[in-house]
Amino acid sequence: VINDPDTNFDNKFTVSLFYNDKVKKTITSTNDAGLVRVPLDFTIPTTETNTTAEIKIVVTTPTESSEKLTNINIYQDVIASDSATGKIATKKAKKKTALVAVLCVLAVIAVVVAVVVIILWLRK
């Protein structure tokens, strides 16, 4: 919410949203009533590795400028951070190797059982 009751002197303003000193969004609007609600949103990049970030909102008019700064905490998604570092690929490879090993053991057991059954059948 932007509160600027002096609408006769300057009624146009620009709102910029910075994420770690990078401009994420800029909106230009007019102030006709003295109080304006400007919706701002942004998305944290999926490749973000930091756990904190700085959000700065700068409101600029032709005659003045104002800014508000705040810090946010970023909670990393374990799956996203694993995929960014390549751990998911190694986990999948390990699971595939384990599955192949189990199937090989089952195949060997099936062959042994078949041989035993044939030997017992021929003895009778």
N, C-alpha and C. Protein backbone atom coordinates (compact mmCIF):
# COMPACT_ATOMS: atom_id res chain seq x y z
N VAL A 1 0.86 -1.17 0.00
CA VAL A 1 0.00 0.00 0.00
C VAL A 1 0.90 1.23 0.00
N ILE A 2 0.61 2.13 -0.91
CA ILE A 2 1.39 3.37 -1.01
C ILE A 2 0.49 4.51 -0.59
N ASN A 3 0.95 5.26 0.39
CA ASN A 3 0.20 6.40 0.91
C ASN A 3 0.93 7.68 0.52
N ASP A 4 0.34 8.44 -0.38
CA ASP A 4 0.90 9.72 -0.81
C ASP A 4 -0.27 10.67 -1.04
N PRO A 5 -0.67 11.41 0.01
CA PRO A 5 -1.86 12.26 -0.12
C PRO A 5 -1.67 13.46 -1.05
N ASP A 6 -0.45 13.79 -1.43
CA ASP A 6 -0.20 14.95 -2.27
C ASP A 6 -0.39 14.57 -3.74
N THR A 7 -1.64 14.40 -4.15
CA THR A 7 -1.92 13.97 -5.53
C THR A 7 -1.91 15.13 -6.52
N ASN A 8 -1.97 16.37 -6.06
CA ASN A 8 -1.97 17.51 -6.97
C ASN A 8 -0.58 17.77 -7.54
N PHE A 9 0.44 17.49 -6.75
CA PHE A 9 1.80 17.82 -7.17
C PHE A 9 2.41 16.73 -8.06
N ASP A 10 2.38 15.50 -7.58
CA ASP A 10 2.87 14.38 -8.39
C ASP A 10 1.97 13.17 -8.13
N ASN A 11 1.38 12.66 -9.18
CA ASN A 11 0.46 11.53 -9.00
C ASN A 11 0.90 10.28 -9.76
N LYS A 12 2.05 10.30 -10.40
CA LYS A 12 2.59 9.10 -11.06
C LYS A 12 3.77 8.59 -10.26
N PHE A 13 3.85 7.29 -10.16
CA PHE A 13 4.97 6.69 -9.42
C PHE A 13 5.32 5.35 -10.05
N THR A 14 6.53 4.91 -9.73
CA THR A 14 7.03 3.62 -10.19
C THR A 14 7.43 2.79 -8.98
N VAL A 15 6.94 1.57 -8.94
CA VAL A 15 7.28 0.64 -7.85
C VAL A 15 8.17 -0.45 -8.44
N SER A 16 9.34 -0.64 -7.84
CA SER A 16 10.28 -1.67 -8.30
C SER A 16 10.54 -2.65 -7.17
N LEU A 17 10.54 -3.92 -7.50
CA LEU A 17 10.83 -4.97 -6.53
C LEU A 17 12.18 -5.56 -6.88
N PHE A 18 13.09 -5.55 -5.91
CA PHE A 18 14.44 -6.09 -6.10
C PHE A 18 14.58 -7.36 -5.27
N TYR A 19 15.18 -8.38 -5.86
CA TYR A 19 15.49 -9.63 -5.17
C TYR A 19 17.00 -9.79 -5.24
N ASN A 20 17.66 -9.63 -4.09
CA ASN A 20 19.13 -9.66 -4.03
C ASN A 20 19.75 -8.71 -5.06
N ASP A 21 19.30 -7.48 -5.06
CA ASP A 21 19.81 -6.40 -5.93
C ASP A 21 19.53 -6.63 -7.41
N LYS A 22 18.64 -7.53 -7.76
CA LYS A 22 18.24 -7.73 -9.15
C LYS A 22 16.77 -7.34 -9.28
N VAL A 23 16.45 -6.54 -10.28
CA VAL A 23 15.07 -6.10 -10.48
C VAL A 23 14.24 -7.29 -10.94
N LYS A 24 13.18 -7.59 -10.18
CA LYS A 24 12.28 -8.68 -10.55
C LYS A 24 11.00 -8.17 -11.18
N LYS A 25 10.53 -7.01 -10.75
CA LYS A 25 9.28 -6.48 -11.27
C LYS A 25 9.26 -4.97 -11.12
N THR A 26 8.71 -4.29 -12.12
CA THR A 26 8.55 -2.84 -12.07
C THR A 26 7.14 -2.52 -12.57
N ILE A 27 6.42 -1.72 -11.77
CA ILE A 27 5.06 -1.32 -12.11
C ILE A 27 4.97 0.20 -12.03
N THR A 28 4.40 0.80 -13.06
CA THR A 28 4.14 2.24 -13.05
C THR A 28 2.64 2.43 -12.91
N SER A 29 2.26 3.34 -12.00
CA SER A 29 0.84 3.54 -11.72
C SER A 29 0.58 5.02 -11.43
N THR A 30 -0.70 5.35 -11.33
CA THR A 30 -1.08 6.72 -10.97
C THR A 30 -1.77 6.69 -9.62
N ASN A 31 -1.63 7.79 -8.92
CA ASN A 31 -2.19 7.94 -7.58
C ASN A 31 -3.25 9.03 -7.66
N ASP A 32 -4.51 8.64 -7.72
CA ASP A 32 -5.60 9.61 -7.80
C ASP A 32 -6.30 9.83 -6.47
N ALA A 33 -6.20 8.90 -5.55
CA ALA A 33 -6.94 9.00 -4.30
C ALA A 33 -6.06 9.21 -3.08
N GLY A 34 -4.75 9.21 -3.23
CA GLY A 34 -3.86 9.39 -2.09
C GLY A 34 -3.40 8.09 -1.46
N LEU A 35 -4.15 7.02 -1.67
CA LEU A 35 -3.80 5.72 -1.12
C LEU A 35 -4.00 4.68 -2.22
N VAL A 36 -2.92 4.00 -2.59
CA VAL A 36 -2.97 3.06 -3.71
C VAL A 36 -2.44 1.71 -3.25
N ARG A 37 -3.14 0.66 -3.63
CA ARG A 37 -2.69 -0.71 -3.35
C ARG A 37 -2.09 -1.26 -4.63
N VAL A 38 -0.81 -1.64 -4.56
CA VAL A 38 -0.10 -2.17 -5.72
C VAL A 38 0.26 -3.63 -5.44
N PRO A 39 -0.33 -4.57 -6.18
CA PRO A 39 0.01 -5.98 -5.96
C PRO A 39 1.37 -6.31 -6.56
N LEU A 40 2.22 -6.92 -5.75
CA LEU A 40 3.55 -7.34 -6.20
C LEU A 40 3.72 -8.81 -5.87
N ASP A 41 4.25 -9.55 -6.80
CA ASP A 41 4.60 -10.94 -6.54
C ASP A 41 5.86 -11.28 -7.32
N PHE A 42 6.53 -12.31 -6.87
CA PHE A 42 7.73 -12.79 -7.55
C PHE A 42 7.93 -14.24 -7.18
N THR A 43 8.75 -14.91 -7.95
CA THR A 43 9.05 -16.31 -7.71
C THR A 43 10.53 -16.47 -7.42
N ILE A 44 10.82 -17.22 -6.38
CA ILE A 44 12.22 -17.51 -6.06
C ILE A 44 12.73 -18.51 -7.09
N PRO A 45 13.88 -18.26 -7.68
CA PRO A 45 14.40 -19.18 -8.70
C PRO A 45 14.60 -20.59 -8.14
N THR A 46 14.34 -21.59 -8.96
CA THR A 46 14.50 -22.98 -8.51
C THR A 46 15.96 -23.35 -8.32
N THR A 47 16.85 -22.57 -8.89
CA THR A 47 18.29 -22.85 -8.75
C THR A 47 18.90 -22.11 -7.58
N GLU A 48 18.08 -21.48 -6.76
CA GLU A 48 18.59 -20.70 -5.62
C GLU A 48 19.26 -21.62 -4.62
N THR A 49 20.47 -21.26 -4.22
CA THR A 49 21.21 -22.07 -3.24
C THR A 49 21.35 -21.36 -1.90
N ASN A 50 21.08 -20.06 -1.85
CA ASN A 50 21.17 -19.33 -0.60
C ASN A 50 19.97 -19.65 0.29
N THR A 51 20.16 -19.51 1.59
CA THR A 51 19.07 -19.74 2.52
C THR A 51 18.42 -18.45 2.99
N THR A 52 19.01 -17.31 2.64
CA THR A 52 18.40 -16.01 2.95
C THR A 52 18.47 -15.14 1.70
N ALA A 53 17.55 -14.19 1.64
CA ALA A 53 17.53 -13.27 0.51
C ALA A 53 17.08 -11.90 1.01
N GLU A 54 17.42 -10.89 0.24
CA GLU A 54 17.07 -9.52 0.58
C GLU A 54 16.02 -9.03 -0.42
N ILE A 55 14.90 -8.56 0.10
CA ILE A 55 13.83 -8.02 -0.73
C ILE A 55 13.78 -6.51 -0.49
N LYS A 56 13.84 -5.76 -1.58
CA LYS A 56 13.78 -4.31 -1.46
C LYS A 56 12.71 -3.79 -2.41
N ILE A 57 11.84 -2.92 -1.89
CA ILE A 57 10.81 -2.28 -2.70
C ILE A 57 11.11 -0.80 -2.74
N VAL A 58 11.24 -0.27 -3.96
CA VAL A 58 11.58 1.14 -4.15
C VAL A 58 10.40 1.80 -4.86
N VAL A 59 9.91 2.89 -4.26
CA VAL A 59 8.84 3.69 -4.86
C VAL A 59 9.46 5.01 -5.28
N THR A 60 9.33 5.34 -6.57
CA THR A 60 9.96 6.54 -7.11
C THR A 60 8.90 7.40 -7.78
N THR A 61 8.89 8.68 -7.42
CA THR A 61 8.05 9.67 -8.10
C THR A 61 8.99 10.66 -8.78
N PRO A 62 8.47 11.57 -9.58
CA PRO A 62 9.37 12.54 -10.22
C PRO A 62 10.14 13.42 -9.23
N THR A 63 9.65 13.54 -8.00
CA THR A 63 10.31 14.44 -7.05
C THR A 63 10.95 13.74 -5.86
N GLU A 64 10.58 12.50 -5.58
CA GLU A 64 11.13 11.84 -4.39
C GLU A 64 11.21 10.33 -4.60
N SER A 65 11.90 9.68 -3.67
CA SER A 65 12.07 8.23 -3.73
C SER A 65 12.05 7.68 -2.31
N SER A 66 11.49 6.49 -2.16
CA SER A 66 11.43 5.85 -0.85
C SER A 66 11.65 4.36 -1.06
N GLU A 67 12.25 3.71 -0.07
CA GLU A 67 12.48 2.27 -0.20
C GLU A 67 12.26 1.58 1.13
N LYS A 68 11.89 0.32 1.04
CA LYS A 68 11.68 -0.55 2.20
C LYS A 68 12.47 -1.82 1.95
N LEU A 69 13.23 -2.24 2.95
CA LEU A 69 14.12 -3.40 2.82
C LEU A 69 13.76 -4.43 3.88
N THR A 70 13.74 -5.69 3.49
CA THR A 70 13.50 -6.77 4.44
C THR A 70 14.26 -8.01 3.99
N ASN A 71 14.56 -8.88 4.93
CA ASN A 71 15.23 -10.15 4.63
C ASN A 71 14.24 -11.29 4.79
N ILE A 72 14.38 -12.31 3.97
CA ILE A 72 13.52 -13.49 4.08
C ILE A 72 14.39 -14.73 4.20
N ASN A 73 13.83 -15.75 4.83
CA ASN A 73 14.49 -17.05 4.92
C ASN A 73 13.93 -17.95 3.83
N ILE A 74 14.80 -18.69 3.18
CA ILE A 74 14.40 -19.60 2.12
C ILE A 74 14.63 -21.02 2.62
N TYR A 75 13.57 -21.79 2.69
CA TYR A 75 13.68 -23.18 3.11
C TYR A 75 13.84 -24.03 1.86
N GLN A 76 14.98 -24.70 1.76
CA GLN A 76 15.32 -25.46 0.57
C GLN A 76 14.51 -26.75 0.52
N ASP A 77 14.00 -27.06 -0.65
CA ASP A 77 13.33 -28.33 -0.91
C ASP A 77 14.40 -29.39 -1.09
N VAL A 78 14.32 -30.46 -0.32
CA VAL A 78 15.36 -31.49 -0.36
C VAL A 78 15.44 -32.13 -1.74
N ILE A 79 14.30 -32.39 -2.35
CA ILE A 79 14.30 -33.02 -3.68
C ILE A 79 14.90 -32.09 -4.71
N ALA A 80 14.54 -30.79 -4.64
CA ALA A 80 15.07 -29.84 -5.61
C ALA A 80 16.57 -29.66 -5.43
N SER A 81 17.03 -29.61 -4.17
CA SER A 81 18.47 -29.44 -3.97
C SER A 81 19.23 -30.70 -4.37
N ASP A 82 18.62 -31.87 -4.16
CA ASP A 82 19.26 -33.12 -4.60
C ASP A 82 19.35 -33.18 -6.12
N SER A 83 18.29 -32.75 -6.80
CA SER A 83 18.34 -32.80 -8.27
C SER A 83 19.32 -31.77 -8.81
N ALA A 84 19.47 -30.64 -8.12
CA ALA A 84 20.42 -29.63 -8.57
C ALA A 84 21.85 -30.13 -8.43
N THR A 85 22.11 -30.96 -7.41
CA THR A 85 23.47 -31.47 -7.20
C THR A 85 23.69 -32.81 -7.88
N GLY A 86 22.67 -33.41 -8.46
CA GLY A 86 22.82 -34.68 -9.17
C GLY A 86 22.69 -35.90 -8.28
N LYS A 87 22.23 -35.73 -7.05
CA LYS A 87 22.12 -36.87 -6.14
C LYS A 87 20.98 -37.80 -6.54
N ILE A 88 19.93 -37.24 -7.15
CA ILE A 88 18.80 -38.08 -7.53
C ILE A 88 19.22 -39.10 -8.59
N ALA A 89 20.05 -38.68 -9.53
CA ALA A 89 20.51 -39.60 -10.57
C ALA A 89 21.30 -40.76 -9.96
N THR A 90 22.16 -40.46 -8.98
CA THR A 90 22.93 -41.54 -8.36
C THR A 90 22.03 -42.43 -7.51
N LYS A 91 21.01 -41.86 -6.87
CA LYS A 91 20.08 -42.68 -6.10
C LYS A 91 19.31 -43.62 -7.02
N LYS A 92 18.88 -43.10 -8.17
CA LYS A 92 18.16 -43.95 -9.12
C LYS A 92 19.06 -45.04 -9.67
N ALA A 93 20.31 -44.72 -9.92
CA ALA A 93 21.26 -45.72 -10.43
C ALA A 93 21.48 -46.82 -9.39
N LYS A 94 21.58 -46.44 -8.12
CA LYS A 94 21.76 -47.44 -7.06
C LYS A 94 20.53 -48.33 -6.94
N LYS A 95 19.34 -47.74 -7.05
CA LYS A 95 18.12 -48.54 -6.98
C LYS A 95 18.04 -49.51 -8.16
N LYS A 96 18.44 -49.05 -9.33
CA LYS A 96 18.40 -49.92 -10.51
C LYS A 96 19.39 -51.07 -10.36
N THR A 97 20.58 -50.78 -9.84
CA THR A 97 21.59 -51.82 -9.63
C THR A 97 21.08 -52.84 -8.61
N ALA A 98 20.45 -52.38 -7.54
CA ALA A 98 19.92 -53.29 -6.53
C ALA A 98 18.81 -54.16 -7.13
N LEU A 99 17.97 -53.58 -7.97
CA LEU A 99 16.89 -54.34 -8.60
C LEU A 99 17.45 -55.42 -9.52
N VAL A 100 18.46 -55.10 -10.29
CA VAL A 100 19.09 -56.08 -11.18
C VAL A 100 19.71 -57.21 -10.36
N ALA A 101 20.34 -56.88 -9.24
CA ALA A 101 20.95 -57.91 -8.39
C ALA A 101 19.89 -58.85 -7.83
N VAL A 102 18.78 -58.31 -7.38
CA VAL A 102 17.70 -59.14 -6.83
C VAL A 102 17.12 -60.04 -7.92
N LEU A 103 16.93 -59.51 -9.11
CA LEU A 103 16.40 -60.33 -10.21
C LEU A 103 17.37 -61.44 -10.60
N CYS A 104 18.66 -61.17 -10.57
CA CYS A 104 19.66 -62.20 -10.86
C CYS A 104 19.62 -63.32 -9.83
N VAL A 105 19.51 -62.96 -8.57
CA VAL A 105 19.43 -63.96 -7.51
C VAL A 105 18.18 -64.81 -7.69
N LEU A 106 17.05 -64.19 -8.01
CA LEU A 106 15.81 -64.95 -8.22
C LEU A 106 15.93 -65.88 -9.43
N ALA A 107 16.61 -65.44 -10.48
CA ALA A 107 16.80 -66.29 -11.66
C ALA A 107 17.65 -67.50 -11.32
N VAL A 108 18.71 -67.31 -10.54
CA VAL A 108 19.58 -68.43 -10.14
C VAL A 108 18.79 -69.41 -9.28
N ILE A 109 17.99 -68.90 -8.35
CA ILE A 109 17.18 -69.78 -7.50
C ILE A 109 16.18 -70.57 -8.34
N ALA A 110 15.58 -69.93 -9.34
CA ALA A 110 14.62 -70.63 -10.21
C ALA A 110 15.30 -71.75 -10.99
N VAL A 111 16.51 -71.51 -11.48
CA VAL A 111 17.25 -72.55 -12.21
C VAL A 111 17.60 -73.71 -11.28
N VAL A 112 18.05 -73.42 -10.07
CA VAL A 112 18.40 -74.47 -9.11
C VAL A 112 17.16 -75.30 -8.77
N VAL A 113 16.03 -74.66 -8.54
CA VAL A 113 14.80 -75.38 -8.22
C VAL A 113 14.39 -76.26 -9.40
N ALA A 114 14.52 -75.75 -10.62
CA ALA A 114 14.16 -76.53 -11.81
C ALA A 114 15.06 -77.76 -11.94
N VAL A 115 16.35 -77.61 -11.69
CA VAL A 115 17.28 -78.74 -11.77
C VAL A 115 16.94 -79.78 -10.71
N VAL A 116 16.65 -79.35 -9.49
CA VAL A 116 16.29 -80.29 -8.42
C VAL A 116 15.01 -81.03 -8.77
N VAL A 117 14.03 -80.33 -9.32
CA VAL A 117 12.76 -80.98 -9.69
C VAL A 117 13.00 -82.01 -10.79
N ILE A 118 13.82 -81.68 -11.77
CA ILE A 118 14.10 -82.62 -12.87
C ILE A 118 14.84 -83.85 -12.34
N ILE A 119 15.81 -83.65 -11.45
CA ILE A 119 16.56 -84.78 -10.87
C ILE A 119 15.62 -85.68 -10.08
N LEU A 120 14.76 -85.11 -9.26
CA LEU A 120 13.81 -85.91 -8.48
C LEU A 120 12.81 -86.61 -9.38
N TRP A 121 12.43 -86.01 -10.46
CA TRP A 121 11.47 -86.62 -11.38
C TRP A 121 12.10 -87.80 -12.13
N LEU A 122 13.37 -87.67 -12.50
CA LEU A 122 14.05 -88.75 -13.22
C LEU A 122 14.37 -89.94 -12.31
N ARG A 123 14.52 -89.74 -11.02
CA ARG A 123 14.83 -90.83 -10.09
C ARG A 123 13.63 -91.75 -9.89
N LYS A 124 12.46 -91.30 -10.08
CA LYS A 124 11.29 -92.14 -9.84
C LYS A 124 11.08 -93.05 -10.93
